[in-house]
Amino acid sequence: MGPHPAVAAIRLAVRRTLQEVLRDAGASGHGRPEDGRPPLVLVACSGGADSMALASALAFEAPRLGLRAGGVTVDHGLQAGSGDRAREVVSRLEALSLAPAEAVAVTVGRAGGPEAAARTARYAALDEAAERHGAAAVLLGHTRDDQAETVLLGLARGSGTRSLSGMAAVSGSPAGRSGAGHRYRRPFLAVDRQTTRKACMVQSLPVWDDPHNTDPAFTRSRVRHDALPALEKALGKGVVEALARTAQLSRDDADALDAWAADAESSVRADGSAAGSVADVTDDSGAVLDVARLHALPSAVRRRVLRRVTVAAGSPAGSLFARHIEEIDRLVTDWHGQRAINLPGRVAARRQGGTLVIRQV
């Protein structure tokens, strides 16, 4: 008799991800560390149902594919007794025969609000753990429900296609760490939260429900417990699946547009003659772009080019919003003598004749 359907579902999802990790490691020539041991895959585990289900599936599948499996839990220090809970999670990881299994304590700042600050601290800790242990990948327990919540939050902010594409199945370090372009893997984006919880129950895995997940002070908690149930009540079942499907379709579109923008960027950079008295800037200080060539691009591609160039000039991506790009775009499409536009990161965009100059000041 085979495993329970919920257990089979989580194991299959993790098996497919681990097979991708092995293929990527082989393609990069880093299939086996210098010490000769098999590649290591870590799971980020909070002790909740999603990450405990992920840890159990990793512990089952990794040895069968010739991989080592370990786990990391991050103690954010935001609740009383968090250190004790972190140690308990480590014990659960060790009971699954995951090694290494460790807790990492972090200090959560205030930048961007409590949720964003905790996320920044968490990924920094996971990056450090992955690099210290030489891990080939870190698995994250985000589910289809999490994906739907992310898309709904993007819709509420009036975000573009990239934001509506939600979380990627494979992503790099949010801090842009070198060599971490495919570090994070999300095997459960097609698995619902009910399945992960059922998998834990039938395997008798203890789980911890984070009270922050039900605290209405947090935006995602309100989306989870108020907004999504209201939508399903009004529109019927299937809203979560539809939002997750929207994420995938949006990601395909966004990837294509980003690739187009990357190619277009080089074609709109002004050479010395086209820029008049302004020399082409190709270093980290910014760029000079040809307005006529920019104007000829479709608006979706043009705005992506402007965002790419502005971030490269030193504007933090997380602080650069659609309204900023719209103002830069008006220097191209609605020029009537506007002043320079000041942007996050002490970057300025100004029109100079037939060119658009974007650089740090």
Protein backbone atom coordinates (compact mmCIF):
# COMPACT_ATOMS: atom_id res chain seq x y z
CA MET A 1 0.00 0.00 0.00
CA GLY A 2 1.40 3.37 -0.99
CA PRO A 3 1.57 6.55 1.08
CA HIS A 4 -1.45 8.74 1.76
CA PRO A 5 -2.33 10.92 -1.28
CA ALA A 6 -1.25 14.07 0.54
CA VAL A 7 2.13 12.55 1.39
CA ALA A 8 2.52 11.30 -2.17
CA ALA A 9 1.76 14.78 -3.50
CA ILE A 10 4.37 16.57 -1.40
CA ARG A 11 7.00 13.93 -2.12
CA LEU A 12 6.40 14.13 -5.86
CA ALA A 13 6.70 17.92 -5.79
CA VAL A 14 9.99 17.74 -3.89
CA ARG A 15 11.34 14.91 -6.07
CA ARG A 16 10.83 17.01 -9.19
CA THR A 17 12.57 19.97 -7.60
CA LEU A 18 15.53 17.88 -6.44
CA GLN A 19 15.89 16.44 -9.92
CA GLU A 20 16.10 20.01 -11.23
CA VAL A 21 18.73 20.83 -8.60
CA LEU A 22 20.81 17.87 -9.74
CA ARG A 23 20.49 18.87 -13.40
CA ASP A 24 21.46 22.47 -12.67
CA ALA A 25 24.40 21.37 -10.53
CA GLY A 26 25.63 19.07 -13.29
CA ALA A 27 25.24 21.75 -15.95
CA SER A 28 27.22 24.26 -13.89
CA GLY A 29 30.01 21.78 -13.16
CA HIS A 30 29.35 21.97 -9.42
CA GLY A 31 27.58 18.66 -9.07
CA ARG A 32 29.78 17.52 -6.18
CA PRO A 33 31.58 19.69 -3.62
CA GLU A 34 35.36 19.65 -3.33
CA ASP A 35 35.19 17.35 -0.29
CA GLY A 36 33.66 14.64 -2.49
CA ARG A 37 30.39 14.44 -0.58
CA PRO A 38 27.02 14.58 -2.37
CA PRO A 39 25.45 18.04 -2.87
CA LEU A 40 23.57 19.43 0.12
CA VAL A 41 20.01 20.79 -0.03
CA LEU A 42 18.68 22.78 2.92
CA VAL A 43 15.07 23.35 3.90
CA ALA A 44 14.01 26.60 5.57
CA CYS A 45 11.66 25.46 8.34
CA SER A 46 9.58 27.61 10.68
CA GLY A 47 7.91 24.61 12.29
CA GLY A 48 4.60 25.34 10.55
CA ALA A 49 2.67 22.77 8.53
CA ASP A 50 3.98 23.89 5.14
CA SER A 51 7.67 23.81 6.04
CA MET A 52 7.39 20.67 8.19
CA ALA A 53 5.73 18.86 5.29
CA LEU A 54 8.55 20.12 3.07
CA ALA A 55 11.19 18.93 5.54
CA SER A 56 9.64 15.47 5.74
CA ALA A 57 9.48 15.14 1.95
CA LEU A 58 13.08 16.33 1.60
CA ALA A 59 14.23 13.82 4.23
CA PHE A 60 12.49 11.03 2.29
CA GLU A 61 13.49 11.97 -1.26
CA ALA A 62 17.04 13.35 -0.93
CA PRO A 63 18.82 10.09 -0.01
CA ARG A 64 17.06 8.28 -2.87
CA LEU A 65 18.54 10.79 -5.32
CA GLY A 66 22.02 10.77 -3.81
CA LEU A 67 21.68 14.13 -2.06
CA ARG A 68 22.34 15.26 1.48
CA ALA A 69 19.52 17.05 3.30
CA GLY A 70 19.71 19.61 6.08
CA GLY A 71 17.49 22.22 7.71
CA VAL A 72 17.64 25.77 9.04
CA THR A 73 15.14 27.60 11.19
CA VAL A 74 15.36 31.36 11.67
CA ASP A 75 14.61 32.86 15.07
CA HIS A 76 13.34 36.39 14.40
CA GLY A 77 13.16 37.18 18.11
CA LEU A 78 9.79 38.88 17.67
CA GLN A 79 7.83 36.76 20.17
CA ALA A 80 8.40 35.63 23.71
CA GLY A 81 9.94 32.17 23.82
CA SER A 82 11.04 32.28 20.18
CA GLY A 83 14.44 30.84 21.09
CA ASP A 84 12.84 27.83 22.75
CA ARG A 85 10.61 27.26 19.73
CA ALA A 86 13.60 27.46 17.39
CA ARG A 87 15.40 24.80 19.42
CA GLU A 88 12.28 22.64 19.28
CA VAL A 89 12.17 22.96 15.50
CA VAL A 90 15.82 21.89 15.32
CA SER A 91 14.94 18.80 17.35
CA ARG A 92 12.16 17.98 14.89
CA LEU A 93 14.54 18.39 11.97
CA GLU A 94 17.06 16.11 13.67
CA ALA A 95 14.30 13.54 14.24
CA LEU A 96 13.85 13.51 10.46
CA SER A 97 17.60 12.74 10.15
CA LEU A 98 18.35 16.11 8.57
CA ALA A 99 21.94 17.22 9.04
CA PRO A 100 23.02 19.89 9.51
CA ALA A 101 20.02 21.11 11.50
CA GLU A 102 20.46 24.50 13.09
CA ALA A 103 18.74 27.63 14.39
CA VAL A 104 19.96 31.08 13.38
CA ALA A 105 18.97 34.13 15.43
CA VAL A 106 18.53 37.45 13.63
CA THR A 107 17.81 41.04 14.54
CA VAL A 108 14.85 42.44 12.63
CA GLY A 109 15.12 46.09 11.65
CA ARG A 110 12.35 48.51 10.75
CA ALA A 111 13.00 49.39 7.11
CA GLY A 112 9.94 48.81 4.91
CA GLY A 113 7.65 47.80 7.78
CA PRO A 114 7.62 44.71 10.04
CA GLU A 115 6.84 42.12 7.35
CA ALA A 116 9.44 43.38 4.89
CA ALA A 117 12.07 43.82 7.61
CA ALA A 118 11.55 40.26 8.87
CA ARG A 119 11.79 38.95 5.32
CA THR A 120 15.06 40.82 4.72
CA ALA A 121 16.59 39.47 7.93
CA ARG A 122 15.36 35.93 7.18
CA TYR A 123 16.82 35.77 3.68
CA ALA A 124 20.11 37.23 4.88
CA ALA A 125 20.34 34.43 7.46
CA LEU A 126 19.42 31.77 4.89
CA ASP A 127 21.99 33.15 2.43
CA GLU A 128 24.67 33.00 5.10
CA ALA A 129 23.74 29.45 6.10
CA ALA A 130 23.71 28.27 2.49
CA GLU A 131 27.13 29.76 1.83
CA ARG A 132 28.61 28.48 5.09
CA HIS A 133 27.49 24.92 4.35
CA GLY A 134 28.04 25.08 0.59
CA ALA A 135 24.39 24.19 -0.10
CA ALA A 136 23.31 23.64 -3.70
CA ALA A 137 19.81 24.92 -2.94
CA VAL A 138 17.44 26.08 -0.19
CA LEU A 139 13.84 24.87 -0.31
CA LEU A 140 11.03 27.19 0.77
CA GLY A 141 7.54 26.06 1.78
CA HIS A 142 5.39 28.60 -0.09
CA THR A 143 2.17 27.00 -1.31
CA ARG A 144 -0.42 27.75 -3.98
CA ASP A 145 -2.38 29.66 -1.32
CA ASP A 146 0.64 31.86 -0.61
CA GLN A 147 0.95 32.50 -4.33
CA ALA A 148 -2.69 33.57 -4.56
CA GLU A 149 -2.23 35.95 -1.64
CA THR A 150 0.84 37.47 -3.30
CA VAL A 151 -1.07 38.09 -6.55
CA LEU A 152 -3.98 39.66 -4.67
CA LEU A 153 -1.59 41.97 -2.81
CA GLY A 154 -0.07 42.99 -6.15
CA LEU A 155 -3.52 43.74 -7.56
CA ALA A 156 -4.37 45.89 -4.53
CA ARG A 157 -1.19 47.92 -5.03
CA GLY A 158 -1.97 48.47 -8.70
CA SER A 159 1.28 46.75 -9.64
CA GLY A 160 2.47 45.71 -13.08
CA THR A 161 2.83 42.30 -14.68
CA ARG A 162 6.02 41.39 -12.82
CA SER A 163 4.39 41.88 -9.43
CA LEU A 164 1.30 39.94 -10.51
CA SER A 165 3.56 37.04 -11.49
CA GLY A 166 3.97 36.28 -7.80
CA MET A 167 6.79 34.09 -6.53
CA ALA A 168 9.06 32.23 -8.91
CA ALA A 169 9.60 28.50 -8.54
CA VAL A 170 13.33 29.25 -8.76
CA SER A 171 14.87 32.52 -7.63
CA GLY A 172 18.15 34.01 -6.53
CA SER A 173 19.17 35.79 -3.37
CA PRO A 174 17.01 38.91 -2.79
CA ALA A 175 20.23 40.65 -1.74
CA GLY A 176 21.85 39.79 -5.06
CA ARG A 177 24.50 37.53 -3.55
CA SER A 178 27.07 36.38 -6.08
CA GLY A 179 26.60 32.82 -7.33
CA ALA A 180 23.11 32.56 -5.83
CA GLY A 181 21.02 32.99 -8.98
CA HIS A 182 19.13 29.71 -8.51
CA ARG A 183 19.52 29.22 -4.75
CA TYR A 184 15.87 29.29 -3.67
CA ARG A 185 13.37 26.65 -4.80
CA ARG A 186 9.64 26.54 -4.08
CA PRO A 187 8.38 22.98 -4.71
CA PHE A 188 4.87 23.59 -3.31
CA LEU A 189 3.60 26.41 -5.55
CA ALA A 190 1.17 23.93 -7.13
CA VAL A 191 0.27 22.31 -3.77
CA ASP A 192 -2.44 23.77 -1.55
CA ARG A 193 -2.15 24.47 2.16
CA GLN A 194 -4.75 21.86 3.00
CA THR A 195 -2.56 19.16 1.46
CA THR A 196 0.54 20.11 3.45
CA ARG A 197 -1.41 20.16 6.69
CA LYS A 198 -2.98 16.77 5.90
CA ALA A 199 0.48 15.36 5.10
CA CYS A 200 1.73 16.44 8.51
CA MET A 201 -1.31 14.97 10.25
CA VAL A 202 -1.07 11.52 8.65
CA GLN A 203 2.67 11.39 9.37
CA SER A 204 2.10 12.51 12.99
CA LEU A 205 4.39 15.49 12.50
CA PRO A 206 3.93 18.16 15.19
CA VAL A 207 3.44 21.65 13.78
CA TRP A 208 3.49 25.15 15.23
CA ASP A 209 0.97 27.75 14.11
CA ASP A 210 2.60 31.18 14.14
CA PRO A 211 0.19 33.65 15.81
CA HIS A 212 1.43 36.34 13.42
CA ASN A 213 -0.34 34.43 10.64
CA THR A 214 -3.70 35.27 12.24
CA ASP A 215 -2.83 38.75 13.50
CA PRO A 216 -4.94 41.34 11.60
CA ALA A 217 -2.16 43.89 12.11
CA PHE A 218 -0.35 42.20 9.22
CA THR A 219 -1.60 42.82 5.68
CA ARG A 220 -1.05 39.26 4.47
CA SER A 221 -3.00 37.92 7.43
CA ARG A 222 -5.99 40.10 6.49
CA VAL A 223 -5.76 38.89 2.89
CA ARG A 224 -5.63 35.27 4.06
CA HIS A 225 -8.45 35.36 6.58
CA ASP A 226 -10.71 38.12 5.27
CA ALA A 227 -10.15 39.03 1.62
CA LEU A 228 -9.75 35.59 0.04
CA PRO A 229 -12.68 33.99 1.93
CA ALA A 230 -14.85 36.98 0.94
CA LEU A 231 -13.88 36.53 -2.71
CA GLU A 232 -14.63 32.81 -2.61
CA LYS A 233 -17.99 33.51 -0.95
CA ALA A 234 -18.89 36.05 -3.65
CA LEU A 235 -17.38 34.31 -6.68
CA GLY A 236 -17.40 30.65 -5.71
CA LYS A 237 -14.64 28.13 -5.17
CA GLY A 238 -11.59 28.22 -7.38
CA VAL A 239 -10.40 31.76 -6.68
CA VAL A 240 -7.09 30.55 -5.22
CA GLU A 241 -6.43 28.31 -8.22
CA ALA A 242 -7.34 31.11 -10.64
CA LEU A 243 -5.04 33.61 -8.93
CA ALA A 244 -2.17 31.12 -8.92
CA ARG A 245 -2.79 30.45 -12.62
CA THR A 246 -2.74 34.21 -13.24
CA ALA A 247 0.67 34.33 -11.58
CA GLN A 248 2.11 31.78 -14.00
CA LEU A 249 0.60 33.46 -17.08
CA SER A 250 1.82 36.86 -15.89
CA ARG A 251 5.31 35.46 -15.26
CA ASP A 252 5.53 34.12 -18.80
CA ASP A 253 4.54 37.53 -20.18
CA ALA A 254 6.84 39.42 -17.83
CA ASP A 255 9.80 37.20 -18.70
CA ALA A 256 9.24 37.82 -22.42
CA LEU A 257 8.94 41.59 -21.93
CA ASP A 258 12.02 41.69 -19.70
CA ALA A 259 14.03 39.85 -22.34
CA TRP A 260 12.82 42.30 -24.98
CA ALA A 261 13.75 45.25 -22.73
CA ALA A 262 17.23 43.82 -22.12
CA ASP A 263 17.84 43.65 -25.86
CA ALA A 264 16.31 47.08 -26.47
CA GLU A 265 18.43 48.79 -23.82
CA SER A 266 21.62 48.60 -25.87
CA SER A 267 19.86 49.98 -28.94
CA VAL A 268 18.62 53.12 -27.18
CA ARG A 269 21.91 54.08 -25.56
CA ALA A 270 23.14 57.21 -27.33
CA ASP A 271 26.56 57.26 -28.97
CA GLY A 272 28.71 60.40 -28.94
CA SER A 273 27.27 61.88 -32.14
CA ALA A 274 23.64 61.16 -31.31
CA ALA A 275 24.06 62.62 -27.84
CA GLY A 276 25.46 65.92 -29.12
CA SER A 277 27.70 67.39 -26.48
CA VAL A 278 26.85 64.66 -24.00
CA ALA A 279 29.19 61.67 -24.02
CA ASP A 280 27.70 58.21 -23.77
CA VAL A 281 27.84 56.97 -20.20
CA THR A 282 28.41 53.26 -19.79
CA ASP A 283 29.87 53.05 -16.29
CA ASP A 284 28.03 52.71 -12.98
CA SER A 285 27.22 56.44 -12.80
CA GLY A 286 24.32 56.22 -15.24
CA ALA A 287 23.43 56.34 -18.91
CA VAL A 288 22.51 58.62 -21.79
CA LEU A 289 19.57 57.36 -23.84
CA ASP A 290 18.32 58.45 -27.26
CA VAL A 291 14.80 59.87 -26.84
CA ALA A 292 13.65 59.15 -30.39
CA ARG A 293 14.60 55.48 -30.12
CA LEU A 294 12.97 55.23 -26.71
CA HIS A 295 9.77 56.81 -28.00
CA ALA A 296 9.58 54.23 -30.80
CA LEU A 297 9.44 51.33 -28.31
CA PRO A 298 6.12 49.95 -27.03
CA SER A 299 5.36 51.58 -23.68
CA ALA A 300 5.63 48.29 -21.74
CA VAL A 301 9.14 47.71 -23.11
CA ARG A 302 10.19 51.37 -22.80
CA ARG A 303 9.24 51.55 -19.13
CA ARG A 304 11.15 48.36 -18.43
CA VAL A 305 14.22 49.86 -20.11
CA LEU A 306 13.86 53.00 -17.97
CA ARG A 307 13.56 50.92 -14.82
CA ARG A 308 16.60 48.80 -15.71
CA VAL A 309 18.73 51.85 -16.40
CA THR A 310 17.55 53.67 -13.26
CA VAL A 311 18.32 50.70 -11.00
CA ALA A 312 21.73 50.29 -12.67
CA ALA A 313 22.41 53.98 -11.97
CA GLY A 314 21.99 53.36 -8.23
CA SER A 315 18.28 53.61 -7.42
CA PRO A 316 17.22 50.79 -5.03
CA ALA A 317 14.79 48.48 -6.84
CA GLY A 318 12.60 48.13 -3.75
CA SER A 319 12.14 51.90 -3.50
CA LEU A 320 11.52 52.53 -7.19
CA PHE A 321 7.77 52.52 -7.83
CA ALA A 322 5.55 52.77 -10.89
CA ARG A 323 4.94 56.48 -10.28
CA HIS A 324 8.68 57.13 -10.53
CA ILE A 325 8.92 55.34 -13.87
CA GLU A 326 5.83 57.16 -15.14
CA GLU A 327 7.46 60.51 -14.39
CA ILE A 328 10.65 59.50 -16.22
CA ASP A 329 8.54 58.24 -19.11
CA ARG A 330 6.89 61.67 -19.44
CA LEU A 331 10.31 63.14 -20.18
CA VAL A 332 10.19 60.99 -23.31
CA THR A 333 6.51 61.08 -24.29
CA ASP A 334 5.25 64.41 -22.90
CA TRP A 335 8.26 66.73 -22.88
CA HIS A 336 7.41 70.37 -22.19
CA GLY A 337 10.48 71.62 -20.36
CA GLN A 338 10.11 69.76 -17.06
CA ARG A 339 12.81 69.95 -14.46
CA ALA A 340 14.99 66.98 -13.57
CA ILE A 341 13.22 64.23 -11.64
CA ASN A 342 14.79 63.24 -8.35
CA LEU A 343 14.61 59.50 -7.68
CA PRO A 344 15.46 57.18 -4.76
CA GLY A 345 19.17 56.59 -4.25
CA ARG A 346 20.14 60.16 -5.22
CA VAL A 347 19.54 59.35 -8.88
CA ALA A 348 18.20 62.05 -11.20
CA ALA A 349 16.63 61.81 -14.66
CA ARG A 350 16.71 64.85 -16.92
CA ARG A 351 15.98 65.62 -20.55
CA GLN A 352 18.89 67.20 -22.42
CA GLY A 353 18.07 67.94 -26.02
CA GLY A 354 17.39 64.68 -27.79
CA THR A 355 18.73 62.59 -24.95
CA LEU A 356 17.56 61.37 -21.56
CA VAL A 357 20.30 61.39 -18.93
CA ILE A 358 19.88 59.14 -15.88
CA ARG A 359 22.68 59.18 -13.35
CA GLN A 360 23.52 59.53 -9.69
CA VAL A 361 24.06 63.09 -8.43
